[in-house]
Structure formats: structure tokens, C-alpha cells
């Protein structure tokens, strides 16, 4: 199959590309950085250098493909000029236009936990809005919405607090278990889905492990040599003030606080638990080794 992968050589797109090439597929990887071309080609894939904000470039790259994997790139939450909801909406409208114009009929989209609603889920509401844009594609274009849960590597954000305060702190915590996921398991699931024939619309959740915040602190603390590491629960106001003091975009700060709050009230995981997936292979104890390496180097 001829498959297009967006996301350059990111944490999901790189292992996805490696897996698809290994299985004999012809893979083209879109990257905005010309310097990535050699790295992409070294994997056995073809590089398409251009921007996802260029509909003509996307259309040309998508044309002739059997399937495409699309994702929205991360943004800088400290950029006060950025309206991330508008940015993501524009990106997905570009994707949708290019999909229509190119004639591609099979799409796998990286969405997120929380995309089942646009109420009470903070910044994750944009994933709901993005799915609605893609749902407006013609019925003969099949779309799979991949909804991964919280990424392990989001835990890297706690390293400064562990180093300065000796603890993990957020506005959720305690002993209620919640799902986490490795990018490697996401990539493996996408590789499985993108080569399968499918019709209409499909939603698939992806998770690797289910642990409470207190269990997460125990595992990470053990990995970094701090067995007494604790996960402390702060108020929404405290977390928001901390984000704003650090210089975060107010829109992003409020969205992150509300997103975390919906972990406490059940909104975030209500649809996940009704459609619970088989857990992936990479457990938090596996990731803890990577976490320790980054912690020790920071």
C-alpha cells in the first residue's frame, strides 16, 4: 500500500513509519523541515517537505495514496499570540480540503481521550471540534479516529517540580486509577488500523496501562532513586496561578486546568470505559527507565 504519514519523525510517526516500511508498504512522510529528509530516507521512506498549512502541497502529496495518517502538531502554550483552537481548526480544514481534492478514501486521524464531548473537558474540546470537521467528509471516505489516553511523556513536565520541591503536584491525584499510553503502542495500533479495509466512521481508544497517580509516583520515585516521592493534589486556582506565573498563554492555562479537573469528575473517561481497549505492551515500569534517564540528565 501507498501510505502518507504526517508528523515528521515524531514520537508516534517515527515508529509508525518504521513498522509500515518493515511490512513492505510504500511510505511517504510529511515534514516541514528539509533537514529531516535524510533521516526519513534512512528509514526506507520518501520525504515530502512542505507545510500542512499549504493545501496544494497536501493535495499533491495525498493524491494516489491508499491511506493517510493525519495529526495536528503540538503548539507552544507559552505563545500569547496563539489561539490554539483556531490554529487547529485551520489545520484540519486544510486536511479535509486536501482529502476531498486528492481522492484518498482511507484516513486514520490522531484524536484524543475526551473527544466525545465539547463540554467540561477544557482544551480537549478542540479534539471534539476537529472530529466534527472530519465527520463532514463524504460518506465514501472512511475515517478512523484514534483516541489515545494520557501520554507517558507528559510526565516529563513534572521533573522541574520534583527537583525543586521534591514532589509531583497537580489538581488531580490520589488513588483513582486512570489510563496512560506509550507512543509505541499508539503507533502499533495505527499501523494495524491503517492497512485494514474499513468503511464509514470508527473510534478506537488506545491505552497501555492503568494506574493511580499515587502508583505513578511510586514507580517514578523508585526509578529515580526517590522512593518517598509523593503526588500532591493542589486546587484548580493554585495550578492556574502557577501556570500564569510561569508565563503560559491564559487560554492554554485555563484549558489545561479544566482538562485536569475533568479527570476528577468522571467526564474525561466516561466514554473510554464504555469502549475500553485491550491494553498495550508498554507499561509505566518500562517508561520509568526513560523517565529516569531524562531526569538524571536535566
C-alpha atoms as a PDB file:
ATOM      1  CA  UNK A   1       0.000   0.000   0.000  1.00  0.00           C
ATOM      2  CA  UNK A   2       0.991   3.608  -0.546  1.00  0.00           C
ATOM      3  CA  UNK A   3       0.618   5.365   2.808  1.00  0.00           C
ATOM      4  CA  UNK A   4       1.168   9.012   3.766  1.00  0.00           C
ATOM      5  CA  UNK A   5       2.301   9.811   7.314  1.00  0.00           C
ATOM      6  CA  UNK A   6       2.161  13.301   8.825  1.00  0.00           C
ATOM      7  CA  UNK A   7       4.018  14.308  11.960  1.00  0.00           C
ATOM      8  CA  UNK A   8       7.551  14.104  10.549  1.00  0.00           C
ATOM      9  CA  UNK A   9       9.657  11.797  12.748  1.00  0.00           C
ATOM     10  CA  UNK A  10       7.839  12.478  15.994  1.00  0.00           C
ATOM     11  CA  UNK A  11       7.233  10.087  18.859  1.00  0.00           C
ATOM     12  CA  UNK A  12       4.376   8.356  17.015  1.00  0.00           C
ATOM     13  CA  UNK A  13       5.190   8.954  13.367  1.00  0.00           C
ATOM     14  CA  UNK A  14       8.725   7.553  13.511  1.00  0.00           C
ATOM     15  CA  UNK A  15       7.836   4.114  14.950  1.00  0.00           C
ATOM     16  CA  UNK A  16       4.740   4.069  12.725  1.00  0.00           C
ATOM     17  CA  UNK A  17       6.894   4.679   9.652  1.00  0.00           C
ATOM     18  CA  UNK A  18       9.389   2.020  10.731  1.00  0.00           C
ATOM     19  CA  UNK A  19       6.616  -0.532  11.221  1.00  0.00           C
ATOM     20  CA  UNK A  20       4.918   0.187   7.900  1.00  0.00           C
ATOM     21  CA  UNK A  21       8.199   0.079   5.964  1.00  0.00           C
ATOM     22  CA  UNK A  22       9.131  -3.177   7.699  1.00  0.00           C
ATOM     23  CA  UNK A  23       5.853  -4.658   6.475  1.00  0.00           C
ATOM     24  CA  UNK A  24       6.633  -3.703   2.894  1.00  0.00           C
ATOM     25  CA  UNK A  25       4.459  -0.626   2.413  1.00  0.00           C
ATOM     26  CA  UNK A  26       5.485   2.436   0.401  1.00  0.00           C
ATOM     27  CA  UNK A  27       5.560   5.252   2.951  1.00  0.00           C
ATOM     28  CA  UNK A  28       5.842   8.997   2.388  1.00  0.00           C
ATOM     29  CA  UNK A  29       6.500  11.129   5.466  1.00  0.00           C
ATOM     30  CA  UNK A  30       5.499  14.793   5.501  1.00  0.00           C
ATOM     31  CA  UNK A  31       7.876  17.128   7.311  1.00  0.00           C
ATOM     32  CA  UNK A  32       8.216  20.898   7.361  1.00  0.00           C
ATOM     33  CA  UNK A  33      11.964  20.625   7.921  1.00  0.00           C
ATOM     34  CA  UNK A  34      14.244  19.927   4.962  1.00  0.00           C
ATOM     35  CA  UNK A  35      16.883  18.727   7.403  1.00  0.00           C
ATOM     36  CA  UNK A  36      14.714  15.702   8.189  1.00  0.00           C
ATOM     37  CA  UNK A  37      14.861  14.375   4.616  1.00  0.00           C
ATOM     38  CA  UNK A  38      17.947  12.216   5.092  1.00  0.00           C
ATOM     39  CA  UNK A  39      16.635  10.795   8.366  1.00  0.00           C
ATOM     40  CA  UNK A  40      13.321   9.923   6.716  1.00  0.00           C
ATOM     41  CA  UNK A  41      15.023   8.300   3.746  1.00  0.00           C
ATOM     42  CA  UNK A  42      17.294   6.320   6.077  1.00  0.00           C
ATOM     43  CA  UNK A  43      14.164   4.552   7.325  1.00  0.00           C
ATOM     44  CA  UNK A  44      13.278   3.473   3.793  1.00  0.00           C
ATOM     45  CA  UNK A  45      10.552   6.078   3.367  1.00  0.00           C
ATOM     46  CA  UNK A  46      10.136   9.008   0.980  1.00  0.00           C
ATOM     47  CA  UNK A  47      10.258  12.560   2.329  1.00  0.00           C
ATOM     48  CA  UNK A  48       7.696  15.182   1.309  1.00  0.00           C
ATOM     49  CA  UNK A  49       8.979  18.538   2.535  1.00  0.00           C
ATOM     50  CA  UNK A  50       6.306  21.185   2.951  1.00  0.00           C
ATOM     51  CA  UNK A  51       3.810  22.659   5.362  1.00  0.00           C
ATOM     52  CA  UNK A  52       0.412  21.306   6.367  1.00  0.00           C
ATOM     53  CA  UNK A  53      -0.866  24.870   6.053  1.00  0.00           C
ATOM     54  CA  UNK A  54      -0.389  24.562   2.272  1.00  0.00           C
ATOM     55  CA  UNK A  55      -3.488  22.845   0.836  1.00  0.00           C
ATOM     56  CA  UNK A  56      -1.962  22.462  -2.625  1.00  0.00           C
ATOM     57  CA  UNK A  57       1.081  20.700  -1.150  1.00  0.00           C
ATOM     58  CA  UNK A  58      -1.139  18.390   0.890  1.00  0.00           C
ATOM     59  CA  UNK A  59      -3.372  17.615  -2.077  1.00  0.00           C
ATOM     60  CA  UNK A  60      -0.409  16.772  -4.275  1.00  0.00           C
ATOM     61  CA  UNK A  61       1.131  14.568  -1.574  1.00  0.00           C
ATOM     62  CA  UNK A  62      -2.125  12.758  -0.764  1.00  0.00           C
ATOM     63  CA  UNK A  63      -3.009  12.087  -4.413  1.00  0.00           C
ATOM     64  CA  UNK A  64      -2.604   8.426  -5.308  1.00  0.00           C
ATOM     65  CA  UNK A  65      -2.323   7.269  -1.702  1.00  0.00           C
ATOM     66  CA  UNK A  66      -4.233   4.228  -0.461  1.00  0.00           C
ATOM     67  CA  UNK A  67      -4.400   5.631   3.064  1.00  0.00           C
ATOM     68  CA  UNK A  68      -3.187   8.584   5.099  1.00  0.00           C
ATOM     69  CA  UNK A  69      -2.400   9.193   8.759  1.00  0.00           C
ATOM     70  CA  UNK A  70      -3.058  12.760   9.902  1.00  0.00           C
ATOM     71  CA  UNK A  71      -2.327  14.521  13.166  1.00  0.00           C
ATOM     72  CA  UNK A  72      -2.236  18.064  14.479  1.00  0.00           C
ATOM     73  CA  UNK A  73       1.211  19.273  15.559  1.00  0.00           C
ATOM     74  CA  UNK A  74       1.933  20.390  19.119  1.00  0.00           C
ATOM     75  CA  UNK A  75       1.921  24.113  19.810  1.00  0.00           C
ATOM     76  CA  UNK A  76       3.791  26.403  22.171  1.00  0.00           C
ATOM     77  CA  UNK A  77       1.494  27.045  25.132  1.00  0.00           C
ATOM     78  CA  UNK A  78       3.676  29.999  26.131  1.00  0.00           C
ATOM     79  CA  UNK A  79       2.939  31.865  22.900  1.00  0.00           C
ATOM     80  CA  UNK A  80       0.480  34.581  23.961  1.00  0.00           C
ATOM     81  CA  UNK A  81      -0.347  35.447  20.358  1.00  0.00           C
ATOM     82  CA  UNK A  82      -1.604  31.937  19.631  1.00  0.00           C
ATOM     83  CA  UNK A  83      -5.276  30.975  19.538  1.00  0.00           C
ATOM     84  CA  UNK A  84      -4.693  27.227  19.539  1.00  0.00           C
ATOM     85  CA  UNK A  85      -8.325  26.338  18.917  1.00  0.00           C
ATOM     86  CA  UNK A  86      -8.378  28.477  15.763  1.00  0.00           C
ATOM     87  CA  UNK A  87      -4.981  27.119  14.691  1.00  0.00           C
ATOM     88  CA  UNK A  88      -6.091  23.501  14.968  1.00  0.00           C
ATOM     89  CA  UNK A  89      -9.382  24.217  13.229  1.00  0.00           C
ATOM     90  CA  UNK A  90      -7.493  25.755  10.296  1.00  0.00           C
ATOM     91  CA  UNK A  91      -5.109  22.794  10.087  1.00  0.00           C
ATOM     92  CA  UNK A  92      -7.937  20.256   9.951  1.00  0.00           C
ATOM     93  CA  UNK A  93      -9.904  22.265   7.405  1.00  0.00           C
ATOM     94  CA  UNK A  94      -6.744  22.115   5.264  1.00  0.00           C
ATOM     95  CA  UNK A  95      -6.577  18.360   5.726  1.00  0.00           C
ATOM     96  CA  UNK A  96     -10.256  17.962   4.851  1.00  0.00           C
ATOM     97  CA  UNK A  97      -9.943  20.062   1.692  1.00  0.00           C
ATOM     98  CA  UNK A  98      -6.866  18.141   0.575  1.00  0.00           C
ATOM     99  CA  UNK A  99      -8.563  14.820   1.260  1.00  0.00           C
ATOM    100  CA  UNK A 100     -11.529  15.795  -0.902  1.00  0.00           C
ATOM    101  CA  UNK A 101      -9.360  17.123  -3.709  1.00  0.00           C
ATOM    102  CA  UNK A 102      -6.888  14.231  -3.722  1.00  0.00           C
ATOM    103  CA  UNK A 103      -9.461  11.451  -3.846  1.00  0.00           C
ATOM    104  CA  UNK A 104      -7.948   9.487  -0.952  1.00  0.00           C
ATOM    105  CA  UNK A 105     -10.567   7.212   0.633  1.00  0.00           C
ATOM    106  CA  UNK A 106      -8.972   5.918   3.828  1.00  0.00           C
ATOM    107  CA  UNK A 107      -7.986   8.217   6.717  1.00  0.00           C
ATOM    108  CA  UNK A 108      -6.646   7.493  10.183  1.00  0.00           C
ATOM    109  CA  UNK A 109      -6.739  10.550  12.434  1.00  0.00           C
ATOM    110  CA  UNK A 110      -4.962  11.034  15.753  1.00  0.00           C
ATOM    111  CA  UNK A 111      -7.629  12.385  18.075  1.00  0.00           C
ATOM    112  CA  UNK A 112      -7.670  12.117  21.871  1.00  0.00           C
ATOM    113  CA  UNK A 113      -9.368  10.916  25.000  1.00  0.00           C
ATOM    114  CA  UNK A 114     -12.091  13.460  25.789  1.00  0.00           C
ATOM    115  CA  UNK A 115     -13.080  13.990  22.158  1.00  0.00           C
ATOM    116  CA  UNK A 116     -16.532  12.558  22.843  1.00  0.00           C
ATOM    117  CA  UNK A 117     -17.717  15.937  24.178  1.00  0.00           C
ATOM    118  CA  UNK A 118     -17.058  19.669  23.989  1.00  0.00           C
ATOM    119  CA  UNK A 119     -18.376  20.377  27.488  1.00  0.00           C
ATOM    120  CA  UNK A 120     -16.320  20.430  30.665  1.00  0.00           C
ATOM    121  CA  UNK A 121     -13.165  18.945  29.177  1.00  0.00           C
ATOM    122  CA  UNK A 122     -11.051  22.085  28.825  1.00  0.00           C
ATOM    123  CA  UNK A 123      -8.600  22.213  25.969  1.00  0.00           C
ATOM    124  CA  UNK A 124      -9.616  18.740  24.809  1.00  0.00           C
ATOM    125  CA  UNK A 125     -12.783  20.296  23.379  1.00  0.00           C
ATOM    126  CA  UNK A 126     -10.803  21.155  20.259  1.00  0.00           C
ATOM    127  CA  UNK A 127     -10.463  17.417  19.547  1.00  0.00           C
ATOM    128  CA  UNK A 128     -14.255  17.147  19.556  1.00  0.00           C
ATOM    129  CA  UNK A 129     -14.457  20.077  17.136  1.00  0.00           C
ATOM    130  CA  UNK A 130     -11.791  18.567  14.887  1.00  0.00           C
ATOM    131  CA  UNK A 131     -13.640  15.258  14.720  1.00  0.00           C
ATOM    132  CA  UNK A 132     -16.789  17.100  13.699  1.00  0.00           C
ATOM    133  CA  UNK A 133     -14.939  18.741  10.790  1.00  0.00           C
ATOM    134  CA  UNK A 134     -13.693  15.363   9.575  1.00  0.00           C
ATOM    135  CA  UNK A 135     -17.126  13.814  10.065  1.00  0.00           C
ATOM    136  CA  UNK A 136     -18.373  16.187   7.376  1.00  0.00           C
ATOM    137  CA  UNK A 137     -16.251  14.431   4.760  1.00  0.00           C
ATOM    138  CA  UNK A 138     -18.245  12.467   2.159  1.00  0.00           C
ATOM    139  CA  UNK A 139     -19.550   9.110   3.371  1.00  0.00           C
ATOM    140  CA  UNK A 140     -17.362   7.174   0.945  1.00  0.00           C
ATOM    141  CA  UNK A 141     -14.265   8.428   2.759  1.00  0.00           C
ATOM    142  CA  UNK A 142     -13.600   6.111   5.691  1.00  0.00           C
ATOM    143  CA  UNK A 143     -12.203   7.709   8.847  1.00  0.00           C
ATOM    144  CA  UNK A 144     -10.821   6.025  11.954  1.00  0.00           C
ATOM    145  CA  UNK A 145     -10.482   8.291  14.985  1.00  0.00           C
ATOM    146  CA  UNK A 146      -7.691   7.071  17.221  1.00  0.00           C
ATOM    147  CA  UNK A 147      -8.265   8.270  20.781  1.00  0.00           C
ATOM    148  CA  UNK A 148      -5.175   7.707  22.920  1.00  0.00           C
ATOM    149  CA  UNK A 149      -5.313   8.464  26.633  1.00  0.00           C
ATOM    150  CA  UNK A 150      -2.727  10.495  28.579  1.00  0.00           C
ATOM    151  CA  UNK A 151       0.774  10.063  27.160  1.00  0.00           C
ATOM    152  CA  UNK A 152       3.527   8.783  29.443  1.00  0.00           C
ATOM    153  CA  UNK A 153       5.852  11.501  28.230  1.00  0.00           C
ATOM    154  CA  UNK A 154       3.532  14.186  29.602  1.00  0.00           C
ATOM    155  CA  UNK A 155       5.008  13.135  32.947  1.00  0.00           C
ATOM    156  CA  UNK A 156       8.284  14.818  31.941  1.00  0.00           C
ATOM    157  CA  UNK A 157       6.573  18.120  32.778  1.00  0.00           C
ATOM    158  CA  UNK A 158       6.777  17.175  36.463  1.00  0.00           C
ATOM    159  CA  UNK A 159      10.572  16.906  36.512  1.00  0.00           C
ATOM    160  CA  UNK A 160      11.232  20.564  37.482  1.00  0.00           C
ATOM    161  CA  UNK A 161       8.805  20.283  40.400  1.00  0.00           C
ATOM    162  CA  UNK A 162      10.366  17.042  41.582  1.00  0.00           C
ATOM    163  CA  UNK A 163      13.817  18.629  41.503  1.00  0.00           C
ATOM    164  CA  UNK A 164      12.837  21.872  43.243  1.00  0.00           C
ATOM    165  CA  UNK A 165      10.033  20.747  45.575  1.00  0.00           C
ATOM    166  CA  UNK A 166      10.612  17.014  45.878  1.00  0.00           C
ATOM    167  CA  UNK A 167       7.091  16.126  44.796  1.00  0.00           C
ATOM    168  CA  UNK A 168       4.625  15.898  41.930  1.00  0.00           C
ATOM    169  CA  UNK A 169       1.792  18.396  42.191  1.00  0.00           C
ATOM    170  CA  UNK A 170      -1.374  18.840  40.132  1.00  0.00           C
ATOM    171  CA  UNK A 171      -5.080  19.484  40.589  1.00  0.00           C
ATOM    172  CA  UNK A 172      -5.928  15.778  40.402  1.00  0.00           C
ATOM    173  CA  UNK A 173      -4.449  12.740  42.098  1.00  0.00           C
ATOM    174  CA  UNK A 174      -4.998  10.169  44.867  1.00  0.00           C
ATOM    175  CA  UNK A 175      -5.900   6.511  44.333  1.00  0.00           C
ATOM    176  CA  UNK A 176      -8.381   6.506  41.455  1.00  0.00           C
ATOM    177  CA  UNK A 177      -6.868   4.556  38.583  1.00  0.00           C
ATOM    178  CA  UNK A 178      -6.669   6.159  35.167  1.00  0.00           C
ATOM    179  CA  UNK A 179      -5.238   5.031  31.818  1.00  0.00           C
ATOM    180  CA  UNK A 180      -1.858   6.006  30.352  1.00  0.00           C
ATOM    181  CA  UNK A 181      -0.334   5.228  26.985  1.00  0.00           C
ATOM    182  CA  UNK A 182       3.013   4.842  25.241  1.00  0.00           C
ATOM    183  CA  UNK A 183       3.533   6.370  21.777  1.00  0.00           C
ATOM    184  CA  UNK A 184       4.891   2.976  20.730  1.00  0.00           C
ATOM    185  CA  UNK A 185       1.542   1.333  21.450  1.00  0.00           C
ATOM    186  CA  UNK A 186      -0.248   4.143  19.619  1.00  0.00           C
ATOM    187  CA  UNK A 187       1.992   3.644  16.580  1.00  0.00           C
ATOM    188  CA  UNK A 188       1.416  -0.114  16.636  1.00  0.00           C
ATOM    189  CA  UNK A 189      -2.352   0.374  16.779  1.00  0.00           C
ATOM    190  CA  UNK A 190      -2.332   2.881  13.915  1.00  0.00           C
ATOM    191  CA  UNK A 191      -0.175   0.502  11.845  1.00  0.00           C
ATOM    192  CA  UNK A 192      -2.787  -2.182  12.444  1.00  0.00           C
ATOM    193  CA  UNK A 193      -5.754   0.010  11.563  1.00  0.00           C
ATOM    194  CA  UNK A 194      -4.396   1.833   8.531  1.00  0.00           C
ATOM    195  CA  UNK A 195      -3.914  -1.323   6.436  1.00  0.00           C
ATOM    196  CA  UNK A 196      -7.319  -2.787   7.220  1.00  0.00           C
ATOM    197  CA  UNK A 197     -10.282  -2.212   4.913  1.00  0.00           C
ATOM    198  CA  UNK A 198     -12.935  -0.184   6.711  1.00  0.00           C
ATOM    199  CA  UNK A 199     -15.960   1.945   5.927  1.00  0.00           C
ATOM    200  CA  UNK A 200     -17.741   4.892   7.460  1.00  0.00           C
ATOM    201  CA  UNK A 201     -16.538   6.175  10.830  1.00  0.00           C
ATOM    202  CA  UNK A 202     -14.809   4.254  13.598  1.00  0.00           C
ATOM    203  CA  UNK A 203     -13.494   5.198  17.039  1.00  0.00           C
ATOM    204  CA  UNK A 204     -10.702   3.271  18.722  1.00  0.00           C
ATOM    205  CA  UNK A 205      -9.205   4.054  22.111  1.00  0.00           C
ATOM    206  CA  UNK A 206      -5.560   3.265  22.857  1.00  0.00           C
ATOM    207  CA  UNK A 207      -4.076   2.680  26.320  1.00  0.00           C
ATOM    208  CA  UNK A 208      -1.050   0.875  27.710  1.00  0.00           C
ATOM    209  CA  UNK A 209      -1.551   0.769  31.481  1.00  0.00           C
ATOM    210  CA  UNK A 210      -3.996   1.806  34.177  1.00  0.00           C
ATOM    211  CA  UNK A 211      -2.549   3.278  37.364  1.00  0.00           C
ATOM    212  CA  UNK A 212      -3.487   5.798  40.023  1.00  0.00           C
ATOM    213  CA  UNK A 213      -1.425   8.976  40.443  1.00  0.00           C
ATOM    214  CA  UNK A 214      -0.104   7.589  43.719  1.00  0.00           C
ATOM    215  CA  UNK A 215       1.049   4.439  41.928  1.00  0.00           C
ATOM    216  CA  UNK A 216       2.654   6.591  39.232  1.00  0.00           C
ATOM    217  CA  UNK A 217       4.595   8.490  41.913  1.00  0.00           C
ATOM    218  CA  UNK A 218       5.749   5.214  43.494  1.00  0.00           C
ATOM    219  CA  UNK A 219       7.021   3.824  40.192  1.00  0.00           C
ATOM    220  CA  UNK A 220       8.726   7.019  39.049  1.00  0.00           C
ATOM    221  CA  UNK A 221      10.169   7.646  42.508  1.00  0.00           C
ATOM    222  CA  UNK A 222      11.668   4.179  42.574  1.00  0.00           C
ATOM    223  CA  UNK A 223      13.190   4.681  39.123  1.00  0.00           C
ATOM    224  CA  UNK A 224      14.908   7.968  40.064  1.00  0.00           C
ATOM    225  CA  UNK A 225      16.067   6.870  43.492  1.00  0.00           C
ATOM    226  CA  UNK A 226      13.434   8.794  45.420  1.00  0.00           C
ATOM    227  CA  UNK A 227      11.197   6.100  46.905  1.00  0.00           C
ATOM    228  CA  UNK A 228       9.443   8.689  49.096  1.00  0.00           C
ATOM    229  CA  UNK A 229       8.183  10.689  46.071  1.00  0.00           C
ATOM    230  CA  UNK A 230       4.593  11.831  46.642  1.00  0.00           C
ATOM    231  CA  UNK A 231       1.838  13.065  44.342  1.00  0.00           C
ATOM    232  CA  UNK A 232       0.244  16.117  45.940  1.00  0.00           C
ATOM    233  CA  UNK A 233      -3.183  17.478  44.991  1.00  0.00           C
ATOM    234  CA  UNK A 234      -3.435  21.242  44.624  1.00  0.00           C
ATOM    235  CA  UNK A 235      -6.502  23.380  43.943  1.00  0.00           C
ATOM    236  CA  UNK A 236      -7.560  24.480  40.474  1.00  0.00           C
ATOM    237  CA  UNK A 237      -6.752  28.054  41.453  1.00  0.00           C
ATOM    238  CA  UNK A 238      -3.256  27.172  42.649  1.00  0.00           C
ATOM    239  CA  UNK A 239      -2.448  25.327  39.446  1.00  0.00           C
ATOM    240  CA  UNK A 240      -3.847  28.115  37.257  1.00  0.00           C
ATOM    241  CA  UNK A 241      -1.843  30.743  39.126  1.00  0.00           C
ATOM    242  CA  UNK A 242       1.272  28.628  38.758  1.00  0.00           C
ATOM    243  CA  UNK A 243       0.792  28.338  35.001  1.00  0.00           C
ATOM    244  CA  UNK A 244       0.135  32.054  34.602  1.00  0.00           C
ATOM    245  CA  UNK A 245       3.096  32.995  36.778  1.00  0.00           C
ATOM    246  CA  UNK A 246       5.287  30.798  34.582  1.00  0.00           C
ATOM    247  CA  UNK A 247       4.134  32.836  31.574  1.00  0.00           C
ATOM    248  CA  UNK A 248       1.714  30.405  29.953  1.00  0.00           C
ATOM    249  CA  UNK A 249      -0.865  31.608  27.424  1.00  0.00           C
ATOM    250  CA  UNK A 250      -4.028  32.239  29.550  1.00  0.00           C
ATOM    251  CA  UNK A 251      -6.217  30.307  27.091  1.00  0.00           C
ATOM    252  CA  UNK A 252      -3.917  27.286  27.346  1.00  0.00           C
ATOM    253  CA  UNK A 253      -3.554  27.599  31.125  1.00  0.00           C
ATOM    254  CA  UNK A 254      -7.308  27.625  31.716  1.00  0.00           C
ATOM    255  CA  UNK A 255      -7.776  24.769  29.259  1.00  0.00           C
ATOM    256  CA  UNK A 256      -5.171  22.601  30.981  1.00  0.00           C
ATOM    257  CA  UNK A 257      -6.633  23.232  34.443  1.00  0.00           C
ATOM    258  CA  UNK A 258     -10.149  22.335  33.277  1.00  0.00           C
ATOM    259  CA  UNK A 259      -8.830  19.275  31.443  1.00  0.00           C
ATOM    260  CA  UNK A 260      -7.225  18.004  34.647  1.00  0.00           C
ATOM    261  CA  UNK A 261     -10.357  18.816  36.646  1.00  0.00           C
ATOM    262  CA  UNK A 262     -12.451  16.590  34.392  1.00  0.00           C
ATOM    263  CA  UNK A 263     -10.178  13.695  35.380  1.00  0.00           C
ATOM    264  CA  UNK A 264     -11.645  14.051  38.868  1.00  0.00           C
ATOM    265  CA  UNK A 265     -15.321  14.252  37.977  1.00  0.00           C
ATOM    266  CA  UNK A 266     -15.500  11.331  35.541  1.00  0.00           C
ATOM    267  CA  UNK A 267     -16.172  13.338  32.372  1.00  0.00           C
ATOM    268  CA  UNK A 268     -12.832  12.526  30.768  1.00  0.00           C
ATOM    269  CA  UNK A 269     -13.078   8.752  30.968  1.00  0.00           C
ATOM    270  CA  UNK A 270     -16.818   8.072  30.759  1.00  0.00           C
ATOM    271  CA  UNK A 271     -16.765   7.109  27.063  1.00  0.00           C
ATOM    272  CA  UNK A 272     -13.397   5.358  27.339  1.00  0.00           C
ATOM    273  CA  UNK A 273     -14.679   2.922  29.954  1.00  0.00           C
ATOM    274  CA  UNK A 274     -17.715   2.119  27.803  1.00  0.00           C
ATOM    275  CA  UNK A 275     -15.348   1.295  24.948  1.00  0.00           C
ATOM    276  CA  UNK A 276     -12.316   0.066  26.858  1.00  0.00           C
ATOM    277  CA  UNK A 277      -9.495  -1.309  24.643  1.00  0.00           C
ATOM    278  CA  UNK A 278      -7.132  -4.172  25.264  1.00  0.00           C
ATOM    279  CA  UNK A 279      -4.120  -2.619  26.975  1.00  0.00           C
ATOM    280  CA  UNK A 280      -0.885  -2.317  25.012  1.00  0.00           C
ATOM    281  CA  UNK A 281       2.515  -3.827  25.701  1.00  0.00           C
ATOM    282  CA  UNK A 282       4.487  -0.875  27.097  1.00  0.00           C
ATOM    283  CA  UNK A 283       3.857  -0.450  30.817  1.00  0.00           C
ATOM    284  CA  UNK A 284       4.703   2.507  33.032  1.00  0.00           C
ATOM    285  CA  UNK A 285       7.538   0.497  34.596  1.00  0.00           C
ATOM    286  CA  UNK A 286       9.082   0.312  31.114  1.00  0.00           C
ATOM    287  CA  UNK A 287       8.690   4.052  30.580  1.00  0.00           C
ATOM    288  CA  UNK A 288      10.126   4.753  34.040  1.00  0.00           C
ATOM    289  CA  UNK A 289      13.588   3.864  32.723  1.00  0.00           C
ATOM    290  CA  UNK A 290      13.299   6.589  30.082  1.00  0.00           C
ATOM    291  CA  UNK A 291      11.926   8.986  32.683  1.00  0.00           C
ATOM    292  CA  UNK A 292      14.909   8.316  34.963  1.00  0.00           C
ATOM    293  CA  UNK A 293      17.368   8.918  32.117  1.00  0.00           C
ATOM    294  CA  UNK A 294      15.769  12.288  31.277  1.00  0.00           C
ATOM    295  CA  UNK A 295      15.516  13.194  34.973  1.00  0.00           C
ATOM    296  CA  UNK A 296      19.201  12.487  35.568  1.00  0.00           C
ATOM    297  CA  UNK A 297      20.257  14.489  32.502  1.00  0.00           C
ATOM    298  CA  UNK A 298      18.128  17.541  33.266  1.00  0.00           C
END
